[in-house]
Amino acid sequence: MDSESLLDSFRSLMSRKKSWERRDTVTAKHNVARCEIRTEAIQSVLKGRGEVIELVDRAYKIVRR
């Protein structure tokens, strides 16, 4: 996957995570954990490429390091 596709996936996961965090059920807690694992995986792939996702003005963008 290219960096932009990974960033789109990351944004989608963060949106879903926020939605699940508002609910207080066992399923919601499991889904939040899944989102966290997936976002960490995306971040590690980008870090391996020398890129990092940063939150800038309430929007995520990729910064090359």
PDB file of N, CA and C in Angstrom:
ATOM      1  N   MET A   1       0.848  -1.191   0.000  1.00  0.00           N
ATOM      2  CA  MET A   1       0.000   0.000   0.000  1.00  0.00           C
ATOM      3  C   MET A   1       0.882   1.238   0.000  1.00  0.00           C
ATOM      4  N   ASP A   2       0.404   2.262  -0.680  1.00  0.00           N
ATOM      5  CA  ASP A   2       1.164   3.503  -0.655  1.00  0.00           C
ATOM      6  C   ASP A   2       0.808   4.299   0.607  1.00  0.00           C
ATOM      7  N   SER A   3       1.575   5.326   0.863  1.00  0.00           N
ATOM      8  CA  SER A   3       1.424   6.099   2.098  1.00  0.00           C
ATOM      9  C   SER A   3       0.055   6.751   2.218  1.00  0.00           C
ATOM     10  N   GLU A   4      -0.472   7.258   1.113  1.00  0.00           N
ATOM     11  CA  GLU A   4      -1.779   7.918   1.165  1.00  0.00           C
ATOM     12  C   GLU A   4      -2.898   6.929   1.502  1.00  0.00           C
ATOM     13  N   SER A   5      -2.817   5.722   0.970  1.00  0.00           N
ATOM     14  CA  SER A   5      -3.817   4.690   1.293  1.00  0.00           C
ATOM     15  C   SER A   5      -3.743   4.325   2.771  1.00  0.00           C
ATOM     16  N   LEU A   6      -2.525   4.221   3.284  1.00  0.00           N
ATOM     17  CA  LEU A   6      -2.353   3.925   4.709  1.00  0.00           C
ATOM     18  C   LEU A   6      -2.914   5.060   5.563  1.00  0.00           C
ATOM     19  N   LEU A   7      -2.695   6.287   5.131  1.00  0.00           N
ATOM     20  CA  LEU A   7      -3.215   7.432   5.877  1.00  0.00           C
ATOM     21  C   LEU A   7      -4.741   7.435   5.861  1.00  0.00           C
ATOM     22  N   ASP A   8      -5.344   7.104   4.722  1.00  0.00           N
ATOM     23  CA  ASP A   8      -6.802   7.018   4.644  1.00  0.00           C
ATOM     24  C   ASP A   8      -7.334   5.943   5.593  1.00  0.00           C
ATOM     25  N   SER A   9      -6.660   4.800   5.637  1.00  0.00           N
ATOM     26  CA  SER A   9      -7.052   3.727   6.557  1.00  0.00           C
ATOM     27  C   SER A   9      -6.933   4.185   8.004  1.00  0.00           C
ATOM     28  N   PHE A  10      -5.860   4.895   8.296  1.00  0.00           N
ATOM     29  CA  PHE A  10      -5.631   5.412   9.642  1.00  0.00           C
ATOM     30  C   PHE A  10      -6.757   6.362  10.050  1.00  0.00           C
ATOM     31  N   ARG A  11      -7.110   7.278   9.164  1.00  0.00           N
ATOM     32  CA  ARG A  11      -8.194   8.230   9.451  1.00  0.00           C
ATOM     33  C   ARG A  11      -9.511   7.500   9.712  1.00  0.00           C
ATOM     34  N   SER A  12      -9.797   6.512   8.892  1.00  0.00           N
ATOM     35  CA  SER A  12     -11.026   5.734   9.046  1.00  0.00           C
ATOM     36  C   SER A  12     -11.050   5.011  10.393  1.00  0.00           C
ATOM     37  N   LEU A  13      -9.921   4.402  10.744  1.00  0.00           N
ATOM     38  CA  LEU A  13      -9.841   3.696  12.025  1.00  0.00           C
ATOM     39  C   LEU A  13     -10.020   4.648  13.200  1.00  0.00           C
ATOM     40  N   MET A  14      -9.417   5.826  13.131  1.00  0.00           N
ATOM     41  CA  MET A  14      -9.536   6.780  14.231  1.00  0.00           C
ATOM     42  C   MET A  14     -10.979   7.254  14.373  1.00  0.00           C
ATOM     43  N   SER A  15     -11.659   7.429  13.259  1.00  0.00           N
ATOM     44  CA  SER A  15     -13.066   7.827  13.298  1.00  0.00           C
ATOM     45  C   SER A  15     -13.920   6.734  13.940  1.00  0.00           C
ATOM     46  N   ARG A  16     -13.692   5.489  13.519  1.00  0.00           N
ATOM     47  CA  ARG A  16     -14.443   4.376  14.105  1.00  0.00           C
ATOM     48  C   ARG A  16     -14.136   4.222  15.588  1.00  0.00           C
ATOM     49  N   LYS A  17     -12.864   4.411  15.948  1.00  0.00           N
ATOM     50  CA  LYS A  17     -12.466   4.285  17.353  1.00  0.00           C
ATOM     51  C   LYS A  17     -13.216   5.304  18.212  1.00  0.00           C
ATOM     52  N   LYS A  18     -13.302   6.542  17.733  1.00  0.00           N
ATOM     53  CA  LYS A  18     -14.026   7.571  18.495  1.00  0.00           C
ATOM     54  C   LYS A  18     -15.489   7.197  18.653  1.00  0.00           C
ATOM     55  N   SER A  19     -16.058   6.644  17.605  1.00  0.00           N
ATOM     56  CA  SER A  19     -17.453   6.215  17.666  1.00  0.00           C
ATOM     57  C   SER A  19     -17.641   5.101  18.701  1.00  0.00           C
ATOM     58  N   TRP A  20     -16.752   4.114  18.688  1.00  0.00           N
ATOM     59  CA  TRP A  20     -16.857   3.001  19.641  1.00  0.00           C
ATOM     60  C   TRP A  20     -16.589   3.455  21.073  1.00  0.00           C
ATOM     61  N   GLU A  21     -15.723   4.447  21.262  1.00  0.00           N
ATOM     62  CA  GLU A  21     -15.396   4.904  22.616  1.00  0.00           C
ATOM     63  C   GLU A  21     -16.602   5.511  23.323  1.00  0.00           C
ATOM     64  N   ARG A  22     -17.573   5.984  22.570  1.00  0.00           N
ATOM     65  CA  ARG A  22     -18.774   6.588  23.169  1.00  0.00           C
ATOM     66  C   ARG A  22     -19.714   5.544  23.766  1.00  0.00           C
ATOM     67  N   ARG A  23     -19.534   4.295  23.379  1.00  0.00           N
ATOM     68  CA  ARG A  23     -20.418   3.221  23.849  1.00  0.00           C
ATOM     69  C   ARG A  23     -19.767   2.481  25.014  1.00  0.00           C
ATOM     70  N   ASP A  24     -20.593   2.001  25.902  1.00  0.00           N
ATOM     71  CA  ASP A  24     -20.065   1.300  27.073  1.00  0.00           C
ATOM     72  C   ASP A  24     -20.541  -0.153  27.059  1.00  0.00           C
ATOM     73  N   THR A  25     -20.014  -0.902  26.094  1.00  0.00           N
ATOM     74  CA  THR A  25     -20.341  -2.321  26.023  1.00  0.00           C
ATOM     75  C   THR A  25     -19.043  -3.109  25.852  1.00  0.00           C
ATOM     76  N   VAL A  26     -19.129  -4.385  26.085  1.00  0.00           N
ATOM     77  CA  VAL A  26     -17.952  -5.241  25.932  1.00  0.00           C
ATOM     78  C   VAL A  26     -17.496  -5.240  24.477  1.00  0.00           C
ATOM     79  N   THR A  27     -18.442  -5.332  23.555  1.00  0.00           N
ATOM     80  CA  THR A  27     -18.103  -5.321  22.126  1.00  0.00           C
ATOM     81  C   THR A  27     -17.388  -4.031  21.753  1.00  0.00           C
ATOM     82  N   ALA A  28     -17.879  -2.910  22.254  1.00  0.00           N
ATOM     83  CA  ALA A  28     -17.259  -1.621  21.955  1.00  0.00           C
ATOM     84  C   ALA A  28     -15.816  -1.594  22.454  1.00  0.00           C
ATOM     85  N   LYS A  29     -15.585  -2.109  23.637  1.00  0.00           N
ATOM     86  CA  LYS A  29     -14.228  -2.128  24.194  1.00  0.00           C
ATOM     87  C   LYS A  29     -13.297  -2.997  23.349  1.00  0.00           C
ATOM     88  N   HIS A  30     -13.816  -4.104  22.870  1.00  0.00           N
ATOM     89  CA  HIS A  30     -13.017  -4.979  22.006  1.00  0.00           C
ATOM     90  C   HIS A  30     -12.692  -4.279  20.683  1.00  0.00           C
ATOM     91  N   ASN A  31     -13.677  -3.577  20.134  1.00  0.00           N
ATOM     92  CA  ASN A  31     -13.460  -2.884  18.871  1.00  0.00           C
ATOM     93  C   ASN A  31     -12.480  -1.718  19.021  1.00  0.00           C
ATOM     94  N   VAL A  32     -12.514  -1.029  20.143  1.00  0.00           N
ATOM     95  CA  VAL A  32     -11.534   0.029  20.408  1.00  0.00           C
ATOM     96  C   VAL A  32     -10.128  -0.573  20.437  1.00  0.00           C
ATOM     97  N   ALA A  33      -9.997  -1.706  21.099  1.00  0.00           N
ATOM     98  CA  ALA A  33      -8.693  -2.375  21.166  1.00  0.00           C
ATOM     99  C   ALA A  33      -8.215  -2.789  19.779  1.00  0.00           C
ATOM    100  N   ARG A  34      -9.126  -3.308  18.959  1.00  0.00           N
ATOM    101  CA  ARG A  34      -8.761  -3.687  17.583  1.00  0.00           C
ATOM    102  C   ARG A  34      -8.294  -2.473  16.783  1.00  0.00           C
ATOM    103  N   CYS A  35      -9.001  -1.361  16.921  1.00  0.00           N
ATOM    104  CA  CYS A  35      -8.616  -0.132  16.227  1.00  0.00           C
ATOM    105  C   CYS A  35      -7.224   0.325  16.658  1.00  0.00           C
ATOM    106  N   GLU A  36      -6.948   0.238  17.956  1.00  0.00           N
ATOM    107  CA  GLU A  36      -5.638   0.645  18.463  1.00  0.00           C
ATOM    108  C   GLU A  36      -4.529  -0.231  17.882  1.00  0.00           C
ATOM    109  N   ILE A  37      -4.764  -1.530  17.810  1.00  0.00           N
ATOM    110  CA  ILE A  37      -3.762  -2.448  17.253  1.00  0.00           C
ATOM    111  C   ILE A  37      -3.513  -2.130  15.783  1.00  0.00           C
ATOM    112  N   ARG A  38      -4.580  -1.898  15.037  1.00  0.00           N
ATOM    113  CA  ARG A  38      -4.435  -1.612  13.607  1.00  0.00           C
ATOM    114  C   ARG A  38      -3.745  -0.273  13.357  1.00  0.00           C
ATOM    115  N   THR A  39      -4.083   0.746  14.170  1.00  0.00           N
ATOM    116  CA  THR A  39      -3.421   2.038  13.967  1.00  0.00           C
ATOM    117  C   THR A  39      -1.936   1.945  14.314  1.00  0.00           C
ATOM    118  N   GLU A  40      -1.601   1.167  15.337  1.00  0.00           N
ATOM    119  CA  GLU A  40      -0.192   0.971  15.677  1.00  0.00           C
ATOM    120  C   GLU A  40       0.541   0.257  14.547  1.00  0.00           C
ATOM    121  N   ALA A  41      -0.116  -0.704  13.916  1.00  0.00           N
ATOM    122  CA  ALA A  41       0.500  -1.426  12.797  1.00  0.00           C
ATOM    123  C   ALA A  41       0.765  -0.472  11.627  1.00  0.00           C
ATOM    124  N   ILE A  42      -0.200   0.379  11.318  1.00  0.00           N
ATOM    125  CA  ILE A  42      -0.017   1.352  10.227  1.00  0.00           C
ATOM    126  C   ILE A  42       1.130   2.296  10.558  1.00  0.00           C
ATOM    127  N   GLN A  43       1.173   2.768  11.803  1.00  0.00           N
ATOM    128  CA  GLN A  43       2.239   3.678  12.203  1.00  0.00           C
ATOM    129  C   GLN A  43       3.609   3.005  12.112  1.00  0.00           C
ATOM    130  N   SER A  44       3.709   1.728  12.453  1.00  0.00           N
ATOM    131  CA  SER A  44       4.999   1.045  12.393  1.00  0.00           C
ATOM    132  C   SER A  44       5.447   0.843  10.945  1.00  0.00           C
ATOM    133  N   VAL A  45       4.498   0.575  10.028  1.00  0.00           N
ATOM    134  CA  VAL A  45       4.846   0.450   8.609  1.00  0.00           C
ATOM    135  C   VAL A  45       5.394   1.774   8.089  1.00  0.00           C
ATOM    136  N   LEU A  46       4.712   2.858   8.426  1.00  0.00           N
ATOM    137  CA  LEU A  46       5.167   4.165   7.963  1.00  0.00           C
ATOM    138  C   LEU A  46       6.499   4.547   8.597  1.00  0.00           C
ATOM    139  N   LYS A  47       6.671   4.196   9.866  1.00  0.00           N
ATOM    140  CA  LYS A  47       7.936   4.498  10.541  1.00  0.00           C
ATOM    141  C   LYS A  47       9.089   3.777   9.847  1.00  0.00           C
ATOM    142  N   GLY A  48       8.840   2.548   9.394  1.00  0.00           N
ATOM    143  CA  GLY A  48       9.850   1.797   8.654  1.00  0.00           C
ATOM    144  C   GLY A  48      10.228   2.475   7.346  1.00  0.00           C
ATOM    145  N   ARG A  49       9.312   3.249   6.796  1.00  0.00           N
ATOM    146  CA  ARG A  49       9.571   3.996   5.560  1.00  0.00           C
ATOM    147  C   ARG A  49      10.147   5.377   5.828  1.00  0.00           C
ATOM    148  N   GLY A  50      10.321   5.703   7.106  1.00  0.00           N
ATOM    149  CA  GLY A  50      10.838   7.024   7.456  1.00  0.00           C
ATOM    150  C   GLY A  50       9.758   8.091   7.455  1.00  0.00           C
ATOM    151  N   GLU A  51       8.493   7.674   7.652  1.00  0.00           N
ATOM    152  CA  GLU A  51       7.374   8.601   7.672  1.00  0.00           C
ATOM    153  C   GLU A  51       6.623   8.471   8.996  1.00  0.00           C
ATOM    154  N   VAL A  52       5.985   9.552   9.389  1.00  0.00           N
ATOM    155  CA  VAL A  52       5.256   9.563  10.653  1.00  0.00           C
ATOM    156  C   VAL A  52       3.916  10.262  10.426  1.00  0.00           C
ATOM    157  N   ILE A  53       2.871   9.768  11.078  1.00  0.00           N
ATOM    158  CA  ILE A  53       1.570  10.436  11.032  1.00  0.00           C
ATOM    159  C   ILE A  53       1.514  11.428  12.187  1.00  0.00           C
ATOM    160  N   GLU A  54       1.184  12.675  11.867  1.00  0.00           N
ATOM    161  CA  GLU A  54       1.052  13.696  12.897  1.00  0.00           C
ATOM    162  C   GLU A  54      -0.317  14.343  12.797  1.00  0.00           C
ATOM    163  N   LEU A  55      -0.816  14.805  13.934  1.00  0.00           N
ATOM    164  CA  LEU A  55      -2.078  15.528  13.981  1.00  0.00           C
ATOM    165  C   LEU A  55      -1.764  17.012  13.833  1.00  0.00           C
ATOM    166  N   VAL A  56      -2.262  17.610  12.765  1.00  0.00           N
ATOM    167  CA  VAL A  56      -2.005  19.027  12.500  1.00  0.00           C
ATOM    168  C   VAL A  56      -3.339  19.715  12.256  1.00  0.00           C
ATOM    169  N   ASP A  57      -3.660  20.691  13.081  1.00  0.00           N
ATOM    170  CA  ASP A  57      -4.917  21.430  12.935  1.00  0.00           C
ATOM    171  C   ASP A  57      -6.122  20.501  12.782  1.00  0.00           C
ATOM    172  N   ARG A  58      -6.235  19.528  13.657  1.00  0.00           N
ATOM    173  CA  ARG A  58      -7.356  18.576  13.701  1.00  0.00           C
ATOM    174  C   ARG A  58      -7.429  17.680  12.473  1.00  0.00           C
ATOM    175  N   ALA A  59      -6.322  17.560  11.748  1.00  0.00           N
ATOM    176  CA  ALA A  59      -6.278  16.666  10.577  1.00  0.00           C
ATOM    177  C   ALA A  59      -4.960  15.900  10.613  1.00  0.00           C
ATOM    178  N   TYR A  60      -5.015  14.659  10.156  1.00  0.00           N
ATOM    179  CA  TYR A  60      -3.813  13.837  10.139  1.00  0.00           C
ATOM    180  C   TYR A  60      -3.085  14.021   8.820  1.00  0.00           C
ATOM    181  N   LYS A  61      -1.762  14.095   8.888  1.00  0.00           N
ATOM    182  CA  LYS A  61      -0.974  14.136   7.663  1.00  0.00           C
ATOM    183  C   LYS A  61       0.322  13.373   7.885  1.00  0.00           C
ATOM    184  N   ILE A  62       0.944  12.984   6.793  1.00  0.00           N
ATOM    185  CA  ILE A  62       2.198  12.245   6.858  1.00  0.00           C
ATOM    186  C   ILE A  62       3.353  13.221   6.750  1.00  0.00           C
ATOM    187  N   VAL A  63       4.322  13.058   7.640  1.00  0.00           N
ATOM    188  CA  VAL A  63       5.520  13.884   7.628  1.00  0.00           C
ATOM    189  C   VAL A  63       6.709  12.980   7.392  1.00  0.00           C
ATOM    190  N   ARG A  64       7.506  13.314   6.425  1.00  0.00           N
ATOM    191  CA  ARG A  64       8.710  12.523   6.134  1.00  0.00           C
ATOM    192  C   ARG A  64       9.802  12.899   7.125  1.00  0.00           C
ATOM    193  N   ARG A  65      10.479  11.890   7.643  1.00  0.00           N
ATOM    194  CA  ARG A  65      11.555  12.148   8.607  1.00  0.00           C
ATOM    195  C   ARG A  65      12.874  11.730   8.047  1.00  0.00           C
TER     196      ARG A  65
END
